[in-house]
């Protein structure tokens, strides 16, 4: 457990950021009057998400690996964070959809149907808590692995630093 203390910390920071992001989206009207723009604008969450992974890997590099971390160590750090975030996704989705934006599903279903994107039945089967819990876990795993792979390249130590160990 001591070996993954940093990953647990940053996974919790990530989940809190996501909850704050959902509250921000709600307050900006992306779940209400600007719901037509939601699918595009919500992608901006990638900016703080990537930043958190960068800070997490830098923290692990400095405070666990004493300033020298190779790609594999960075990638594995990111994967552990990703796994913890994925495990917490259903709880995060529940908090978001029950407390932060409880009317989101009715609004997005109405929008999808009125825009002609889906039938009422299709929208209801897609926009629901169970579906979003599953999608959040899968999305967290896919995006977390990809982000970990890229951020590990950025954060890894230069090869000369590794060869001097």
N, C-alpha and C. Protein backbone atom coordinates (compact mmCIF):
# COMPACT_ATOMS: atom_id res chain seq x y z
N UNK A 1 0.83 -1.19 0.00
CA UNK A 1 0.00 0.00 0.00
C UNK A 1 0.88 1.26 0.00
N UNK A 2 2.00 1.19 0.71
CA UNK A 2 2.90 2.33 0.77
C UNK A 2 3.46 2.67 -0.61
N UNK A 3 3.65 1.65 -1.45
CA UNK A 3 4.19 1.85 -2.79
C UNK A 3 3.23 2.60 -3.71
N UNK A 4 1.93 2.56 -3.42
CA UNK A 4 0.97 3.23 -4.29
C UNK A 4 0.25 4.40 -3.60
N UNK A 5 0.84 4.87 -2.51
CA UNK A 5 0.24 5.99 -1.78
C UNK A 5 0.09 7.22 -2.68
N UNK A 6 1.08 7.50 -3.48
CA UNK A 6 1.05 8.66 -4.37
C UNK A 6 -0.04 8.47 -5.43
N UNK A 7 -0.16 7.27 -5.98
CA UNK A 7 -1.18 7.00 -6.99
C UNK A 7 -2.59 7.15 -6.40
N UNK A 8 -2.79 6.66 -5.19
CA UNK A 8 -4.10 6.81 -4.54
C UNK A 8 -4.43 8.28 -4.36
N UNK A 9 -3.46 9.05 -3.88
CA UNK A 9 -3.66 10.49 -3.69
C UNK A 9 -4.10 11.16 -4.99
N UNK A 10 -3.38 10.89 -6.08
CA UNK A 10 -3.68 11.56 -7.34
C UNK A 10 -4.95 11.03 -7.98
N UNK A 11 -5.29 9.78 -7.76
CA UNK A 11 -6.57 9.25 -8.26
C UNK A 11 -7.73 9.96 -7.56
N UNK A 12 -7.60 10.18 -6.25
CA UNK A 12 -8.64 10.90 -5.51
C UNK A 12 -8.72 12.36 -5.98
N UNK A 13 -7.57 12.97 -6.21
CA UNK A 13 -7.57 14.34 -6.75
C UNK A 13 -8.27 14.36 -8.11
N UNK A 14 -8.02 13.37 -8.94
CA UNK A 14 -8.65 13.28 -10.25
C UNK A 14 -10.17 13.19 -10.12
N UNK A 15 -10.64 12.33 -9.24
CA UNK A 15 -12.09 12.15 -9.06
C UNK A 15 -12.73 13.44 -8.54
N UNK A 16 -12.07 14.10 -7.60
CA UNK A 16 -12.60 15.38 -7.09
C UNK A 16 -12.64 16.42 -8.21
N UNK A 17 -11.59 16.45 -9.04
CA UNK A 17 -11.58 17.38 -10.18
C UNK A 17 -12.75 17.09 -11.10
N UNK A 18 -13.02 15.81 -11.37
CA UNK A 18 -14.13 15.46 -12.26
C UNK A 18 -15.47 15.89 -11.67
N UNK A 19 -15.64 15.74 -10.38
CA UNK A 19 -16.88 16.19 -9.75
C UNK A 19 -17.00 17.72 -9.84
N UNK A 20 -15.90 18.42 -9.61
CA UNK A 20 -15.90 19.87 -9.74
C UNK A 20 -16.18 20.27 -11.19
N UNK A 21 -15.63 19.53 -12.14
CA UNK A 21 -15.86 19.81 -13.56
C UNK A 21 -17.36 19.65 -13.89
N UNK A 22 -17.97 18.61 -13.36
CA UNK A 22 -19.40 18.41 -13.60
C UNK A 22 -20.23 19.56 -13.02
N UNK A 23 -19.84 20.02 -11.84
CA UNK A 23 -20.53 21.17 -11.24
C UNK A 23 -20.33 22.42 -12.11
N UNK A 24 -19.12 22.58 -12.65
CA UNK A 24 -18.84 23.70 -13.55
C UNK A 24 -19.70 23.60 -14.81
N UNK A 25 -19.76 22.43 -15.42
CA UNK A 25 -20.59 22.24 -16.61
C UNK A 25 -22.04 22.59 -16.31
N UNK A 26 -22.53 22.12 -15.19
CA UNK A 26 -23.92 22.41 -14.80
C UNK A 26 -24.12 23.92 -14.63
N UNK A 27 -23.17 24.58 -13.95
CA UNK A 27 -23.31 26.02 -13.70
C UNK A 27 -23.20 26.84 -14.98
N UNK A 28 -22.50 26.33 -15.98
CA UNK A 28 -22.36 27.04 -17.26
C UNK A 28 -23.52 26.76 -18.21
N UNK A 29 -24.46 25.93 -17.77
CA UNK A 29 -25.64 25.64 -18.58
C UNK A 29 -25.45 24.53 -19.60
N UNK A 30 -24.32 23.82 -19.54
CA UNK A 30 -24.07 22.77 -20.52
C UNK A 30 -24.97 21.56 -20.31
N UNK A 31 -25.65 21.48 -19.18
CA UNK A 31 -26.58 20.39 -18.91
C UNK A 31 -28.02 20.87 -19.04
N UNK A 32 -28.20 22.13 -19.42
CA UNK A 32 -29.54 22.72 -19.51
C UNK A 32 -29.71 23.42 -20.84
N UNK A 33 -29.73 24.75 -20.80
CA UNK A 33 -30.02 25.55 -22.00
C UNK A 33 -28.96 25.43 -23.09
N UNK A 34 -27.74 25.06 -22.76
CA UNK A 34 -26.67 24.90 -23.76
C UNK A 34 -26.33 23.43 -23.98
N UNK A 35 -27.29 22.57 -23.77
CA UNK A 35 -27.03 21.12 -23.86
C UNK A 35 -26.61 20.70 -25.26
N UNK A 36 -27.00 21.46 -26.28
CA UNK A 36 -26.60 21.13 -27.65
C UNK A 36 -25.09 21.20 -27.82
N UNK A 37 -24.42 22.03 -27.02
CA UNK A 37 -22.97 22.18 -27.09
C UNK A 37 -22.21 21.25 -26.15
N UNK A 38 -22.94 20.54 -25.31
CA UNK A 38 -22.31 19.73 -24.27
C UNK A 38 -21.33 18.70 -24.82
N UNK A 39 -21.72 17.97 -25.83
CA UNK A 39 -20.88 16.89 -26.35
C UNK A 39 -19.51 17.40 -26.82
N UNK A 40 -19.47 18.64 -27.31
CA UNK A 40 -18.20 19.22 -27.75
C UNK A 40 -17.44 19.85 -26.58
N UNK A 41 -18.13 20.67 -25.81
CA UNK A 41 -17.47 21.44 -24.75
C UNK A 41 -16.94 20.55 -23.62
N UNK A 42 -17.58 19.44 -23.36
CA UNK A 42 -17.14 18.57 -22.27
C UNK A 42 -15.74 18.02 -22.51
N UNK A 43 -15.30 18.01 -23.77
CA UNK A 43 -13.95 17.52 -24.09
C UNK A 43 -12.85 18.41 -23.52
N UNK A 44 -13.20 19.63 -23.13
CA UNK A 44 -12.20 20.51 -22.51
C UNK A 44 -11.67 19.95 -21.19
N UNK A 45 -12.37 18.99 -20.61
CA UNK A 45 -11.91 18.35 -19.38
C UNK A 45 -10.57 17.63 -19.59
N UNK A 46 -10.21 17.41 -20.83
CA UNK A 46 -8.91 16.78 -21.12
C UNK A 46 -7.76 17.62 -20.59
N UNK A 47 -7.92 18.93 -20.58
CA UNK A 47 -6.83 19.82 -20.13
C UNK A 47 -6.49 19.57 -18.66
N UNK A 48 -7.45 19.70 -17.73
CA UNK A 48 -7.08 19.41 -16.33
C UNK A 48 -6.76 17.93 -16.10
N UNK A 49 -7.36 17.05 -16.89
CA UNK A 49 -7.08 15.61 -16.73
C UNK A 49 -5.63 15.30 -17.03
N UNK A 50 -5.13 15.80 -18.15
CA UNK A 50 -3.74 15.57 -18.52
C UNK A 50 -2.81 16.24 -17.52
N UNK A 51 -3.17 17.44 -17.09
CA UNK A 51 -2.34 18.15 -16.10
C UNK A 51 -2.21 17.34 -14.82
N UNK A 52 -3.29 16.73 -14.37
CA UNK A 52 -3.24 15.92 -13.15
C UNK A 52 -2.31 14.73 -13.34
N UNK A 53 -2.37 14.08 -14.48
CA UNK A 53 -1.46 12.96 -14.74
C UNK A 53 -0.01 13.43 -14.75
N UNK A 54 0.25 14.59 -15.35
CA UNK A 54 1.62 15.13 -15.36
C UNK A 54 2.10 15.38 -13.94
N UNK A 55 1.28 16.08 -13.14
CA UNK A 55 1.66 16.36 -11.76
C UNK A 55 1.84 15.08 -10.96
N UNK A 56 0.99 14.09 -11.21
CA UNK A 56 1.09 12.82 -10.48
C UNK A 56 2.40 12.10 -10.80
N UNK A 57 2.74 12.03 -12.08
CA UNK A 57 3.97 11.35 -12.45
C UNK A 57 5.20 12.11 -11.99
N UNK A 58 5.13 13.43 -12.01
CA UNK A 58 6.24 14.23 -11.47
C UNK A 58 6.40 14.01 -9.97
N UNK A 59 5.27 13.91 -9.27
CA UNK A 59 5.29 13.64 -7.83
C UNK A 59 5.92 12.28 -7.56
N UNK A 60 5.51 11.27 -8.31
CA UNK A 60 6.07 9.93 -8.12
C UNK A 60 7.57 9.93 -8.44
N UNK A 61 7.93 10.61 -9.52
CA UNK A 61 9.35 10.69 -9.92
C UNK A 61 10.18 11.32 -8.82
N UNK A 62 9.72 12.43 -8.28
CA UNK A 62 10.48 13.17 -7.27
C UNK A 62 10.48 12.46 -5.92
N UNK A 63 9.32 12.03 -5.46
CA UNK A 63 9.19 11.58 -4.08
C UNK A 63 9.27 10.08 -3.87
N UNK A 64 9.24 9.31 -4.94
CA UNK A 64 9.37 7.86 -4.79
C UNK A 64 10.62 7.35 -5.49
N UNK A 65 10.86 7.85 -6.70
CA UNK A 65 12.01 7.41 -7.49
C UNK A 65 13.21 8.35 -7.36
N UNK A 66 13.15 9.29 -6.44
CA UNK A 66 14.27 10.19 -6.13
C UNK A 66 14.77 10.95 -7.36
N UNK A 67 13.82 11.39 -8.19
CA UNK A 67 14.15 12.23 -9.34
C UNK A 67 14.53 11.51 -10.61
N UNK A 68 14.58 10.19 -10.58
CA UNK A 68 14.95 9.43 -11.78
C UNK A 68 13.90 8.35 -12.03
N UNK A 69 13.18 8.51 -13.13
CA UNK A 69 12.10 7.56 -13.45
C UNK A 69 12.17 7.22 -14.93
N UNK A 70 12.12 5.93 -15.23
CA UNK A 70 12.12 5.52 -16.63
C UNK A 70 10.69 5.46 -17.17
N UNK A 71 10.58 5.19 -18.47
CA UNK A 71 9.26 5.16 -19.10
C UNK A 71 8.35 4.13 -18.45
N UNK A 72 8.85 2.93 -18.25
CA UNK A 72 8.04 1.86 -17.67
C UNK A 72 7.49 2.25 -16.29
N UNK A 73 8.34 2.82 -15.45
CA UNK A 73 7.90 3.24 -14.12
C UNK A 73 6.81 4.31 -14.22
N UNK A 74 6.99 5.26 -15.12
CA UNK A 74 5.99 6.30 -15.31
C UNK A 74 4.69 5.73 -15.85
N UNK A 75 4.79 4.85 -16.83
CA UNK A 75 3.60 4.24 -17.42
C UNK A 75 2.85 3.42 -16.37
N UNK A 76 3.56 2.64 -15.59
CA UNK A 76 2.92 1.83 -14.55
C UNK A 76 2.26 2.71 -13.49
N UNK A 77 2.89 3.83 -13.15
CA UNK A 77 2.29 4.77 -12.21
C UNK A 77 0.96 5.27 -12.77
N UNK A 78 0.96 5.65 -14.03
CA UNK A 78 -0.27 6.10 -14.68
C UNK A 78 -1.33 5.02 -14.73
N UNK A 79 -0.92 3.79 -14.97
CA UNK A 79 -1.89 2.69 -15.01
C UNK A 79 -2.53 2.44 -13.65
N UNK A 80 -1.75 2.54 -12.59
CA UNK A 80 -2.32 2.36 -11.25
C UNK A 80 -3.34 3.47 -10.96
N UNK A 81 -2.99 4.70 -11.30
CA UNK A 81 -3.93 5.81 -11.13
C UNK A 81 -5.20 5.53 -11.92
N UNK A 82 -5.02 5.10 -13.17
CA UNK A 82 -6.15 4.81 -14.04
C UNK A 82 -7.05 3.73 -13.45
N UNK A 83 -6.46 2.68 -12.93
CA UNK A 83 -7.25 1.60 -12.34
C UNK A 83 -8.06 2.09 -11.15
N UNK A 84 -7.45 2.89 -10.29
CA UNK A 84 -8.16 3.41 -9.12
C UNK A 84 -9.29 4.34 -9.56
N UNK A 85 -9.01 5.21 -10.53
CA UNK A 85 -10.05 6.11 -11.05
C UNK A 85 -11.20 5.29 -11.63
N UNK A 86 -10.88 4.26 -12.41
CA UNK A 86 -11.92 3.43 -13.02
C UNK A 86 -12.78 2.74 -11.96
N UNK A 87 -12.16 2.29 -10.90
CA UNK A 87 -12.91 1.66 -9.80
C UNK A 87 -13.86 2.66 -9.15
N UNK A 88 -13.43 3.92 -9.07
CA UNK A 88 -14.25 4.96 -8.42
C UNK A 88 -15.27 5.60 -9.37
N UNK A 89 -15.19 5.30 -10.65
CA UNK A 89 -16.10 5.93 -11.63
C UNK A 89 -17.59 5.71 -11.33
N UNK A 90 -18.04 4.50 -11.01
CA UNK A 90 -19.47 4.36 -10.73
C UNK A 90 -19.95 5.26 -9.58
N UNK A 91 -19.15 5.35 -8.53
CA UNK A 91 -19.52 6.23 -7.42
C UNK A 91 -19.54 7.69 -7.88
N UNK A 92 -18.55 8.08 -8.64
CA UNK A 92 -18.48 9.44 -9.16
C UNK A 92 -19.68 9.76 -10.05
N UNK A 93 -20.05 8.82 -10.91
CA UNK A 93 -21.22 9.03 -11.77
C UNK A 93 -22.49 9.13 -10.94
N UNK A 94 -22.60 8.30 -9.92
CA UNK A 94 -23.77 8.36 -9.05
C UNK A 94 -23.87 9.73 -8.38
N UNK A 95 -22.78 10.21 -7.82
CA UNK A 95 -22.78 11.53 -7.17
C UNK A 95 -23.14 12.62 -8.18
N UNK A 96 -22.55 12.55 -9.36
CA UNK A 96 -22.81 13.56 -10.40
C UNK A 96 -24.28 13.57 -10.78
N UNK A 97 -24.83 12.41 -11.07
CA UNK A 97 -26.16 12.33 -11.66
C UNK A 97 -27.29 12.32 -10.64
N UNK A 98 -26.97 12.10 -9.39
CA UNK A 98 -28.00 12.16 -8.36
C UNK A 98 -27.99 13.48 -7.59
N UNK A 99 -26.82 14.11 -7.48
CA UNK A 99 -26.71 15.30 -6.64
C UNK A 99 -26.32 16.56 -7.41
N UNK A 100 -25.37 16.48 -8.32
CA UNK A 100 -24.89 17.67 -9.02
C UNK A 100 -25.86 18.07 -10.12
N UNK A 101 -26.29 17.12 -10.92
CA UNK A 101 -27.16 17.42 -12.06
C UNK A 101 -28.24 16.33 -12.21
N UNK A 102 -29.16 16.28 -11.25
CA UNK A 102 -30.14 15.18 -11.23
C UNK A 102 -31.13 15.18 -12.41
N UNK A 103 -31.28 16.30 -13.09
CA UNK A 103 -32.21 16.34 -14.22
C UNK A 103 -31.51 16.19 -15.58
N UNK A 104 -30.24 15.83 -15.55
CA UNK A 104 -29.46 15.72 -16.79
C UNK A 104 -30.09 14.74 -17.77
N UNK A 105 -30.45 13.56 -17.32
CA UNK A 105 -30.96 12.55 -18.25
C UNK A 105 -32.24 13.00 -18.94
N UNK A 106 -33.17 13.58 -18.20
CA UNK A 106 -34.40 14.02 -18.85
C UNK A 106 -34.12 15.11 -19.88
N UNK A 107 -33.19 16.01 -19.58
CA UNK A 107 -32.84 17.08 -20.52
C UNK A 107 -32.14 16.54 -21.75
N UNK A 108 -31.18 15.65 -21.57
CA UNK A 108 -30.43 15.14 -22.72
C UNK A 108 -31.30 14.20 -23.56
N UNK A 109 -32.18 13.46 -22.93
CA UNK A 109 -33.11 12.62 -23.69
C UNK A 109 -34.02 13.50 -24.53
N UNK A 110 -34.59 14.53 -23.92
CA UNK A 110 -35.46 15.45 -24.67
C UNK A 110 -34.72 16.09 -25.83
N UNK A 111 -33.48 16.50 -25.59
CA UNK A 111 -32.69 17.12 -26.65
C UNK A 111 -32.43 16.12 -27.79
N UNK A 112 -31.98 14.92 -27.45
CA UNK A 112 -31.64 13.92 -28.48
C UNK A 112 -32.87 13.57 -29.33
N UNK A 113 -34.01 13.48 -28.70
CA UNK A 113 -35.24 13.15 -29.43
C UNK A 113 -35.68 14.33 -30.29
N UNK A 114 -35.70 15.53 -29.70
CA UNK A 114 -36.15 16.70 -30.46
C UNK A 114 -35.21 17.07 -31.60
N UNK A 115 -33.92 16.75 -31.46
CA UNK A 115 -32.95 17.01 -32.53
C UNK A 115 -32.98 15.92 -33.59
N UNK A 116 -33.77 14.89 -33.37
CA UNK A 116 -33.89 13.80 -34.34
C UNK A 116 -32.70 12.86 -34.34
N UNK A 117 -31.91 12.91 -33.30
CA UNK A 117 -30.72 12.04 -33.22
C UNK A 117 -31.06 10.62 -32.78
N UNK A 118 -32.12 10.49 -31.98
CA UNK A 118 -32.52 9.18 -31.45
C UNK A 118 -34.03 9.17 -31.27
N UNK A 119 -34.56 7.95 -31.21
CA UNK A 119 -35.96 7.81 -30.80
C UNK A 119 -36.00 7.91 -29.28
N UNK A 120 -37.19 8.05 -28.75
CA UNK A 120 -37.35 8.11 -27.28
C UNK A 120 -36.77 6.87 -26.63
N UNK A 121 -37.04 5.71 -27.20
CA UNK A 121 -36.57 4.44 -26.63
C UNK A 121 -35.05 4.34 -26.69
N UNK A 122 -34.47 4.72 -27.83
CA UNK A 122 -33.02 4.67 -27.97
C UNK A 122 -32.35 5.60 -26.96
N UNK A 123 -32.90 6.81 -26.84
CA UNK A 123 -32.32 7.78 -25.92
C UNK A 123 -32.43 7.30 -24.47
N UNK A 124 -33.57 6.74 -24.13
CA UNK A 124 -33.77 6.26 -22.75
C UNK A 124 -32.83 5.09 -22.43
N UNK A 125 -32.55 4.25 -23.42
CA UNK A 125 -31.65 3.12 -23.15
C UNK A 125 -30.19 3.55 -23.12
N UNK A 126 -29.87 4.67 -23.75
CA UNK A 126 -28.49 5.16 -23.77
C UNK A 126 -28.20 6.10 -22.60
N UNK A 127 -29.11 7.01 -22.33
CA UNK A 127 -28.91 8.01 -21.28
C UNK A 127 -29.57 7.56 -19.98
N UNK A 128 -28.84 6.77 -19.21
CA UNK A 128 -29.33 6.32 -17.91
C UNK A 128 -28.12 6.02 -17.02
N UNK A 129 -28.35 5.91 -15.75
CA UNK A 129 -27.26 5.77 -14.78
C UNK A 129 -26.42 4.53 -15.05
N UNK A 130 -27.03 3.39 -15.29
CA UNK A 130 -26.27 2.17 -15.52
C UNK A 130 -25.38 2.31 -16.75
N UNK A 131 -25.93 2.83 -17.82
CA UNK A 131 -25.16 3.02 -19.05
C UNK A 131 -23.98 3.96 -18.82
N UNK A 132 -24.23 5.06 -18.11
CA UNK A 132 -23.16 6.03 -17.85
C UNK A 132 -22.10 5.48 -16.91
N UNK A 133 -22.49 4.64 -15.97
CA UNK A 133 -21.50 4.01 -15.09
C UNK A 133 -20.57 3.12 -15.89
N UNK A 134 -21.15 2.34 -16.79
CA UNK A 134 -20.34 1.45 -17.64
C UNK A 134 -19.44 2.26 -18.56
N UNK A 135 -20.02 3.27 -19.23
CA UNK A 135 -19.24 4.10 -20.15
C UNK A 135 -18.12 4.84 -19.42
N UNK A 136 -18.37 5.26 -18.18
CA UNK A 136 -17.34 5.99 -17.46
C UNK A 136 -16.16 5.09 -17.10
N UNK A 137 -16.43 3.85 -16.75
CA UNK A 137 -15.35 2.91 -16.44
C UNK A 137 -14.54 2.61 -17.70
N UNK A 138 -15.23 2.29 -18.78
CA UNK A 138 -14.53 1.99 -20.05
C UNK A 138 -13.76 3.21 -20.53
N UNK A 139 -14.39 4.38 -20.48
CA UNK A 139 -13.72 5.61 -20.91
C UNK A 139 -12.51 5.92 -20.06
N UNK A 140 -12.64 5.74 -18.75
CA UNK A 140 -11.50 6.00 -17.85
C UNK A 140 -10.34 5.07 -18.17
N UNK A 141 -10.63 3.82 -18.45
CA UNK A 141 -9.57 2.87 -18.77
C UNK A 141 -8.89 3.22 -20.09
N UNK A 142 -9.67 3.50 -21.12
CA UNK A 142 -9.09 3.81 -22.43
C UNK A 142 -8.29 5.11 -22.38
N UNK A 143 -8.90 6.17 -21.86
CA UNK A 143 -8.22 7.47 -21.82
C UNK A 143 -7.06 7.46 -20.83
N UNK A 144 -7.20 6.73 -19.73
CA UNK A 144 -6.13 6.66 -18.75
C UNK A 144 -4.90 5.94 -19.28
N UNK A 145 -5.11 4.86 -20.02
CA UNK A 145 -3.98 4.14 -20.61
C UNK A 145 -3.28 5.03 -21.63
N UNK A 146 -4.07 5.68 -22.49
CA UNK A 146 -3.49 6.56 -23.52
C UNK A 146 -2.74 7.73 -22.88
N UNK A 147 -3.36 8.36 -21.89
CA UNK A 147 -2.72 9.49 -21.22
C UNK A 147 -1.45 9.04 -20.50
N UNK A 148 -1.51 7.91 -19.84
CA UNK A 148 -0.33 7.37 -19.15
C UNK A 148 0.82 7.12 -20.12
N UNK A 149 0.50 6.58 -21.28
CA UNK A 149 1.53 6.28 -22.27
C UNK A 149 2.23 7.56 -22.75
N UNK A 150 1.46 8.59 -22.99
CA UNK A 150 2.03 9.85 -23.49
C UNK A 150 2.75 10.61 -22.38
N UNK A 151 2.12 10.72 -21.22
CA UNK A 151 2.71 11.49 -20.12
C UNK A 151 3.99 10.83 -19.63
N UNK A 152 4.05 9.51 -19.65
CA UNK A 152 5.28 8.81 -19.24
C UNK A 152 6.45 9.18 -20.14
N UNK A 153 6.18 9.42 -21.41
CA UNK A 153 7.24 9.87 -22.34
C UNK A 153 7.74 11.25 -21.92
N UNK A 154 6.82 12.12 -21.58
CA UNK A 154 7.15 13.50 -21.22
C UNK A 154 7.92 13.57 -19.91
N UNK A 155 7.51 12.77 -18.93
CA UNK A 155 8.04 12.88 -17.58
C UNK A 155 9.29 12.03 -17.33
N UNK A 156 9.52 11.02 -18.14
CA UNK A 156 10.65 10.11 -17.89
C UNK A 156 11.96 10.90 -17.87
N UNK A 157 12.90 10.37 -17.14
CA UNK A 157 14.23 10.99 -17.04
C UNK A 157 14.98 10.78 -18.34
N UNK A 158 15.90 11.65 -18.60
CA UNK A 158 16.78 11.50 -19.77
C UNK A 158 17.62 10.25 -19.57
N UNK A 159 17.97 9.58 -20.63
CA UNK A 159 18.71 8.31 -20.54
C UNK A 159 20.06 8.47 -19.85
N UNK A 160 20.71 9.64 -19.97
CA UNK A 160 21.99 9.82 -19.29
C UNK A 160 21.83 9.80 -17.78
N UNK A 161 20.70 10.30 -17.29
CA UNK A 161 20.45 10.28 -15.84
C UNK A 161 20.23 8.85 -15.38
N UNK A 162 19.58 8.04 -16.22
CA UNK A 162 19.33 6.65 -15.85
C UNK A 162 20.60 5.82 -15.87
N UNK A 163 21.50 6.10 -16.81
CA UNK A 163 22.72 5.29 -16.91
C UNK A 163 23.71 5.61 -15.79
N UNK A 164 23.55 6.77 -15.13
CA UNK A 164 24.46 7.11 -14.06
C UNK A 164 24.05 6.50 -12.73
N UNK A 165 22.94 5.79 -12.69
CA UNK A 165 22.48 5.16 -11.45
C UNK A 165 23.15 3.87 -11.20
